[in-house]
C-alpha atoms as a PDB file:
ATOM      1  CA  MET A   1      15.726   3.207  17.563  1.00  0.00           C
ATOM      2  CA  GLU A   2      12.520   4.515  15.929  1.00  0.00           C
ATOM      3  CA  LEU A   3      14.336   6.202  13.053  1.00  0.00           C
ATOM      4  CA  LYS A   4      16.405   3.080  12.405  1.00  0.00           C
ATOM      5  CA  MET A   5      13.210   1.022  12.334  1.00  0.00           C
ATOM      6  CA  ILE A   6      11.612   3.403   9.829  1.00  0.00           C
ATOM      7  CA  GLN A   7      14.731   3.288   7.624  1.00  0.00           C
ATOM      8  CA  THR A   8      14.589  -0.517   7.690  1.00  0.00           C
ATOM      9  CA  LEU A   9      10.882  -0.496   6.819  1.00  0.00           C
ATOM     10  CA  ARG A  10      11.506   1.966   3.985  1.00  0.00           C
ATOM     11  CA  ALA A  11      14.294  -0.205   2.571  1.00  0.00           C
ATOM     12  CA  LEU A  12      12.114  -3.300   2.791  1.00  0.00           C
ATOM     13  CA  ASN A  13       9.186  -1.564   1.125  1.00  0.00           C
ATOM     14  CA  ARG A  14      11.395  -0.250  -1.674  1.00  0.00           C
ATOM     15  CA  LYS A  15      12.225  -3.869  -2.499  1.00  0.00           C
ATOM     16  CA  VAL A  16       8.553  -4.783  -2.432  1.00  0.00           C
ATOM     17  CA  ALA A  17       7.796  -1.776  -4.665  1.00  0.00           C
ATOM     18  CA  LEU A  18      10.441  -2.935  -7.149  1.00  0.00           C
ATOM     19  CA  LEU A  19       8.884  -6.401  -7.295  1.00  0.00           C
ATOM     20  CA  VAL A  20       5.440  -4.893  -7.802  1.00  0.00           C
ATOM     21  CA  GLY A  21       6.863  -2.569 -10.453  1.00  0.00           C
ATOM     22  CA  PHE A  22       8.397  -5.487 -12.342  1.00  0.00           C
ATOM     23  CA  GLY A  23       5.043  -7.252 -12.133  1.00  0.00           C
ATOM     24  CA  LEU A  24       3.330  -4.204 -13.640  1.00  0.00           C
ATOM     25  CA  LEU A  25       5.954  -4.049 -16.383  1.00  0.00           C
ATOM     26  CA  ALA A  26       5.363  -7.721 -17.171  1.00  0.00           C
ATOM     27  CA  CYS A  27       1.625  -7.050 -17.287  1.00  0.00           C
ATOM     28  CA  ALA A  28       2.174  -4.087 -19.616  1.00  0.00           C
ATOM     29  CA  ALA A  29       4.354  -6.257 -21.877  1.00  0.00           C
ATOM     30  CA  PHE A  30       1.621  -8.918 -21.907  1.00  0.00           C
ATOM     31  CA  VAL A  31      -1.037  -6.343 -22.867  1.00  0.00           C
ATOM     32  CA  LEU A  32       1.231  -4.828 -25.537  1.00  0.00           C
ATOM     33  CA  THR A  33       1.920  -8.273 -26.991  1.00  0.00           C
ATOM     34  CA  ASP A  34      -1.815  -8.934 -27.107  1.00  0.00           C
ATOM     35  CA  ILE A  35      -2.471  -5.609 -28.853  1.00  0.00           C
ATOM     36  CA  ILE A  36       0.188  -6.331 -31.455  1.00  0.00           C
ATOM     37  CA  MET A  37      -1.174  -9.841 -31.987  1.00  0.00           C
ATOM     38  CA  ARG A  38      -4.658  -8.411 -32.575  1.00  0.00           C
ATOM     39  CA  ARG A  39      -3.264  -6.525 -35.569  1.00  0.00           C
ATOM     40  CA  PHE A  40      -2.508  -9.952 -37.075  1.00  0.00           C
ATOM     41  CA  GLY A  41      -5.936 -11.406 -36.332  1.00  0.00           C
ATOM     42  CA  THR A  42      -5.135 -13.366 -33.185  1.00  0.00           C
ATOM     43  CA  SER A  43      -5.093 -12.669 -29.447  1.00  0.00           C
ATOM     44  CA  LEU A  44      -3.753 -14.055 -26.208  1.00  0.00           C
ATOM     45  CA  GLY A  45      -7.086 -13.346 -24.503  1.00  0.00           C
ATOM     46  CA  GLY A  46      -7.721 -12.419 -20.914  1.00  0.00           C
ATOM     47  CA  THR A  47      -5.486  -9.351 -20.907  1.00  0.00           C
ATOM     48  CA  GLU A  48      -8.138  -7.137 -19.292  1.00  0.00           C
ATOM     49  CA  GLU A  49      -8.709  -9.710 -16.563  1.00  0.00           C
ATOM     50  CA  ILE A  50      -5.005 -10.115 -15.831  1.00  0.00           C
ATOM     51  CA  ALA A  51      -4.474  -6.336 -15.915  1.00  0.00           C
ATOM     52  CA  GLY A  52      -7.286  -5.919 -13.384  1.00  0.00           C
ATOM     53  CA  TYR A  53      -5.680  -8.480 -11.099  1.00  0.00           C
ATOM     54  CA  ALA A  54      -2.317  -6.752 -11.469  1.00  0.00           C
ATOM     55  CA  MET A  55      -3.828  -3.394 -10.491  1.00  0.00           C
ATOM     56  CA  ALA A  56      -5.519  -4.886  -7.401  1.00  0.00           C
ATOM     57  CA  LEU A  57      -2.241  -6.474  -6.290  1.00  0.00           C
ATOM     58  CA  ALA A  58      -0.205  -3.351  -7.029  1.00  0.00           C
ATOM     59  CA  THR A  59      -2.648  -1.264  -4.997  1.00  0.00           C
ATOM     60  CA  SER A  60      -2.686  -3.470  -1.921  1.00  0.00           C
ATOM     61  CA  TRP A  61       1.089  -3.954  -1.887  1.00  0.00           C
ATOM     62  CA  GLY A  62       1.932  -0.383  -2.927  1.00  0.00           C
ATOM     63  CA  MET A  63       0.069   1.290  -0.089  1.00  0.00           C
ATOM     64  CA  SER A  64       2.773   0.602   2.498  1.00  0.00           C
ATOM     65  CA  TYR A  65       5.477   1.994   0.208  1.00  0.00           C
ATOM     66  CA  THR A  66       3.390   5.126  -0.307  1.00  0.00           C
ATOM     67  CA  LEU A  67       2.859   5.440   3.450  1.00  0.00           C
ATOM     68  CA  LEU A  68       6.556   5.283   4.262  1.00  0.00           C
ATOM     69  CA  GLU A  69       7.447   7.681   1.454  1.00  0.00           C
ATOM     70  CA  LEU A  70       4.821  10.165   2.758  1.00  0.00           C
ATOM     71  CA  GLY A  71       2.878   9.918  -0.480  1.00  0.00           C
ATOM     72  CA  HIS A  72      -0.685   9.542   0.797  1.00  0.00           C
ATOM     73  CA  VAL A  73      -2.985  12.482   0.128  1.00  0.00           C
ATOM     74  CA  ARG A  74      -3.535  14.676   3.170  1.00  0.00           C
ATOM     75  CA  ILE A  75      -5.778  17.630   3.804  1.00  0.00           C
ATOM     76  CA  ASP A  76      -3.984  19.703   6.391  1.00  0.00           C
ATOM     77  CA  LEU A  77      -6.084  22.827   6.671  1.00  0.00           C
ATOM     78  CA  VAL A  78      -6.031  22.895  10.494  1.00  0.00           C
ATOM     79  CA  ARG A  79      -2.723  21.095  11.067  1.00  0.00           C
ATOM     80  CA  THR A  80      -0.607  23.717   9.301  1.00  0.00           C
ATOM     81  CA  ARG A  81      -1.695  26.406  11.766  1.00  0.00           C
ATOM     82  CA  PHE A  82       0.144  24.707  14.632  1.00  0.00           C
ATOM     83  CA  LYS A  83       3.759  24.591  15.735  1.00  0.00           C
ATOM     84  CA  THR A  84       5.817  21.411  15.595  1.00  0.00           C
ATOM     85  CA  PHE A  85       4.243  19.772  18.666  1.00  0.00           C
ATOM     86  CA  GLY A  86       0.679  20.378  17.466  1.00  0.00           C
ATOM     87  CA  ARG A  87       1.483  19.088  13.976  1.00  0.00           C
ATOM     88  CA  ALA A  88       3.095  15.998  15.490  1.00  0.00           C
ATOM     89  CA  LEU A  89      -0.063  15.373  17.540  1.00  0.00           C
ATOM     90  CA  PHE A  90      -2.241  15.665  14.432  1.00  0.00           C
ATOM     91  CA  ASP A  91       0.116  13.357  12.542  1.00  0.00           C
ATOM     92  CA  VAL A  92       0.066  10.694  15.241  1.00  0.00           C
ATOM     93  CA  PHE A  93      -3.717  10.952  15.547  1.00  0.00           C
ATOM     94  CA  SER A  94      -4.123  10.525  11.790  1.00  0.00           C
ATOM     95  CA  MET A  95      -1.802   7.509  11.842  1.00  0.00           C
ATOM     96  CA  ILE A  96      -3.765   5.897  14.671  1.00  0.00           C
ATOM     97  CA  VAL A  97      -7.025   6.380  12.764  1.00  0.00           C
ATOM     98  CA  MET A  98      -5.534   5.161   9.481  1.00  0.00           C
ATOM     99  CA  THR A  99      -4.001   2.128  11.155  1.00  0.00           C
ATOM    100  CA  GLY A 100      -7.375   1.238  12.632  1.00  0.00           C
ATOM    101  CA  VAL A 101      -9.007   1.517   9.202  1.00  0.00           C
ATOM    102  CA  ILE A 102      -6.307  -0.568   7.511  1.00  0.00           C
ATOM    103  CA  ILE A 103      -6.456  -3.284  10.168  1.00  0.00           C
ATOM    104  CA  THR A 104     -10.235  -3.385   9.691  1.00  0.00           C
ATOM    105  CA  ILE A 105      -9.815  -3.721   5.914  1.00  0.00           C
ATOM    106  CA  ALA A 106      -7.288  -6.539   6.368  1.00  0.00           C
ATOM    107  CA  ILE A 107      -9.615  -8.352   8.779  1.00  0.00           C
ATOM    108  CA  LYS A 108     -12.612  -7.911   6.473  1.00  0.00           C
ATOM    109  CA  ALA A 109     -10.607  -9.083   3.435  1.00  0.00           C
ATOM    110  CA  TRP A 110      -9.993 -12.520   4.914  1.00  0.00           C
ATOM    111  CA  PRO A 111     -13.597 -13.784   4.588  1.00  0.00           C
ATOM    112  CA  VAL A 112     -13.435 -12.994   0.861  1.00  0.00           C
ATOM    113  CA  VAL A 113     -10.392 -15.255   0.531  1.00  0.00           C
ATOM    114  CA  ALA A 114     -11.821 -17.915   2.853  1.00  0.00           C
ATOM    115  CA  HIS A 115     -15.072 -18.020   0.873  1.00  0.00           C
ATOM    116  CA  SER A 116     -13.170 -18.528  -2.389  1.00  0.00           C
ATOM    117  CA  LEU A 117     -11.063 -21.252  -0.793  1.00  0.00           C
ATOM    118  CA  THR A 118     -14.064 -23.077   0.628  1.00  0.00           C
ATOM    119  CA  ASN A 119     -16.096 -22.913  -2.565  1.00  0.00           C
ATOM    120  CA  GLY A 120     -13.244 -23.304  -5.041  1.00  0.00           C
ATOM    121  CA  SER A 121     -14.497 -20.108  -6.684  1.00  0.00           C
ATOM    122  CA  ARG A 122     -13.344 -19.254 -10.174  1.00  0.00           C
ATOM    123  CA  ALA A 123     -13.629 -16.061 -12.183  1.00  0.00           C
ATOM    124  CA  ASN A 124     -16.685 -15.864 -14.399  1.00  0.00           C
ATOM    125  CA  THR A 125     -14.478 -15.242 -17.431  1.00  0.00           C
ATOM    126  CA  PRO A 126     -13.010 -17.324 -20.253  1.00  0.00           C
ATOM    127  CA  LEU A 127      -9.823 -17.843 -18.189  1.00  0.00           C
ATOM    128  CA  GLU A 128     -11.803 -19.189 -15.204  1.00  0.00           C
ATOM    129  CA  THR A 129      -8.980 -18.131 -12.902  1.00  0.00           C
ATOM    130  CA  PRO A 130      -9.175 -19.688  -9.425  1.00  0.00           C
ATOM    131  CA  LEU A 131      -9.960 -16.553  -7.414  1.00  0.00           C
ATOM    132  CA  VAL A 132      -7.837 -17.583  -4.456  1.00  0.00           C
ATOM    133  CA  TRP A 133      -4.745 -17.249  -6.683  1.00  0.00           C
ATOM    134  CA  VAL A 134      -5.423 -13.529  -6.874  1.00  0.00           C
ATOM    135  CA  GLN A 135      -7.255 -12.919  -3.635  1.00  0.00           C
ATOM    136  CA  PHE A 136      -4.640 -14.418  -1.349  1.00  0.00           C
ATOM    137  CA  PRO A 137      -1.782 -12.143  -2.568  1.00  0.00           C
ATOM    138  CA  TRP A 138      -4.250  -9.224  -2.507  1.00  0.00           C
ATOM    139  CA  PHE A 139      -5.137 -10.068   1.103  1.00  0.00           C
ATOM    140  CA  ALA A 140      -1.438 -10.466   1.976  1.00  0.00           C
ATOM    141  CA  GLY A 141      -0.830  -6.950   0.627  1.00  0.00           C
ATOM    142  CA  TRP A 142      -3.468  -5.526   2.967  1.00  0.00           C
ATOM    143  CA  VAL A 143      -1.986  -7.441   5.899  1.00  0.00           C
ATOM    144  CA  TRP A 144       1.458  -6.102   4.958  1.00  0.00           C
ATOM    145  CA  PHE A 145       0.061  -2.569   4.878  1.00  0.00           C
ATOM    146  CA  ALA A 146      -1.585  -3.100   8.291  1.00  0.00           C
ATOM    147  CA  ILE A 147       1.720  -4.303   9.760  1.00  0.00           C
ATOM    148  CA  MET A 148       3.694  -1.419   8.219  1.00  0.00           C
ATOM    149  CA  SER A 149       1.103   1.109   9.381  1.00  0.00           C
ATOM    150  CA  THR A 150       1.102  -0.305  12.911  1.00  0.00           C
ATOM    151  CA  LEU A 151       4.906  -0.295  13.161  1.00  0.00           C
ATOM    152  CA  THR A 152       5.111   3.230  11.750  1.00  0.00           C
ATOM    153  CA  THR A 153       2.485   4.430  14.213  1.00  0.00           C
ATOM    154  CA  LEU A 154       4.351   2.845  17.136  1.00  0.00           C
ATOM    155  CA  CYS A 155       7.604   4.501  16.018  1.00  0.00           C
ATOM    156  CA  ALA A 156       5.852   7.857  15.709  1.00  0.00           C
ATOM    157  CA  LEU A 157       4.296   7.457  19.157  1.00  0.00           C
ATOM    158  CA  GLY A 158       7.722   6.626  20.577  1.00  0.00           C
ATOM    159  CA  LEU A 159       9.221   9.760  19.059  1.00  0.00           C
ATOM    160  CA  LEU A 160       6.299  11.877  20.246  1.00  0.00           C
ATOM    161  CA  LEU A 161       6.650  10.596  23.813  1.00  0.00           C
ATOM    162  CA  LYS A 162      10.377  11.382  23.686  1.00  0.00           C
ATOM    163  CA  ARG A 163       9.459  14.928  22.574  1.00  0.00           C
ATOM    164  CA  ARG A 164      11.250  14.517  19.252  1.00  0.00           C
ATOM    165  CA  HIS A 165       8.517  16.318  17.329  1.00  0.00           C
ATOM    166  CA  THR A 166      10.529  17.285  14.261  1.00  0.00           C
ATOM    167  CA  GLU A 167      11.575  13.664  13.789  1.00  0.00           C
ATOM    168  CA  THR A 168       7.955  12.593  14.225  1.00  0.00           C
ATOM    169  CA  GLU A 169       7.040  14.922  11.366  1.00  0.00           C
ATOM    170  CA  SER A 170       9.853  13.544   9.241  1.00  0.00           C
ATOM    171  CA  ILE A 171       8.450  10.015   9.355  1.00  0.00           C
ATOM    172  CA  ILE A 172       4.680  10.657   9.250  1.00  0.00           C
ATOM    173  CA  GLY A 173       4.252  14.347   8.387  1.00  0.00           C
ATOM    174  CA  ALA A 174       3.010  15.835   5.176  1.00  0.00           C
ATOM    175  CA  PHE A 175       5.340  15.326   2.223  1.00  0.00           C
ATOM    176  CA  ALA A 176       5.075  18.945   1.047  1.00  0.00           C
ATOM    177  CA  GLU A 177       6.515  20.166   4.336  1.00  0.00           C
ATOM    178  CA  GLN A 178       9.566  17.934   4.246  1.00  0.00           C
ATOM    179  CA  ASP A 179      11.518  20.431   2.123  1.00  0.00           C
ATOM    180  CA  THR A 180      10.894  23.199   4.638  1.00  0.00           C
ATOM    181  CA  LEU A 181      11.828  21.027   7.639  1.00  0.00           C
ATOM    182  CA  GLN A 182      15.360  20.318   6.459  1.00  0.00           C
END
C-alpha cells in the first residue's frame, strides 16, 4: 500500500512539475521578448518583477517534486555508517523533522497572505501587482509540500514498522545510494 501511494504521489507531482516548468518557460519567453524589444528602444516592463514571482512559485511548488524524487541535499556523515535498519531510522527521523518544519512554514505563510487580502496590498512597483495574486499560489505550494511531506513520512513509517527497511530507503533515502540498493 505504501509503495503504491508513493508512486501515485510521484506521478501527481510530475504533473505539477510539468505545469511549473511550462510556467518557467513562459516566463523565460517573456523575458527574452523584453530583451529583444529593448534592442529596438521599447520594453514590456516588469520582467524582473514577474520573473521573481515565477521563481517564488516554482520554488514552493517544486519542493514536493524534489522530495519525492530524492533530490533534496542531505549530509549523511553518520547515517552511512549504519546497516539498512539504522539508515531507515535516520531517514524516518529526518522526514519527521522536515515535515514539522514544512508544516510550520505553511502555517506561518498564511498570515502573509491574509494580511495582503485584508489590506488589498499591491507591489511597490510600476505594475502594482495585487500581492495576493502571487502570495496565494505561493502559499498553496507550501501547503502542497506540507501535505506531500506528511504523506511520504506516514508511508515511510508504515514501511519501517513492517520491517521493510530497504523499501523505506527507496522512498526517502539518499539519492546517491539508490544505484547501490538496486
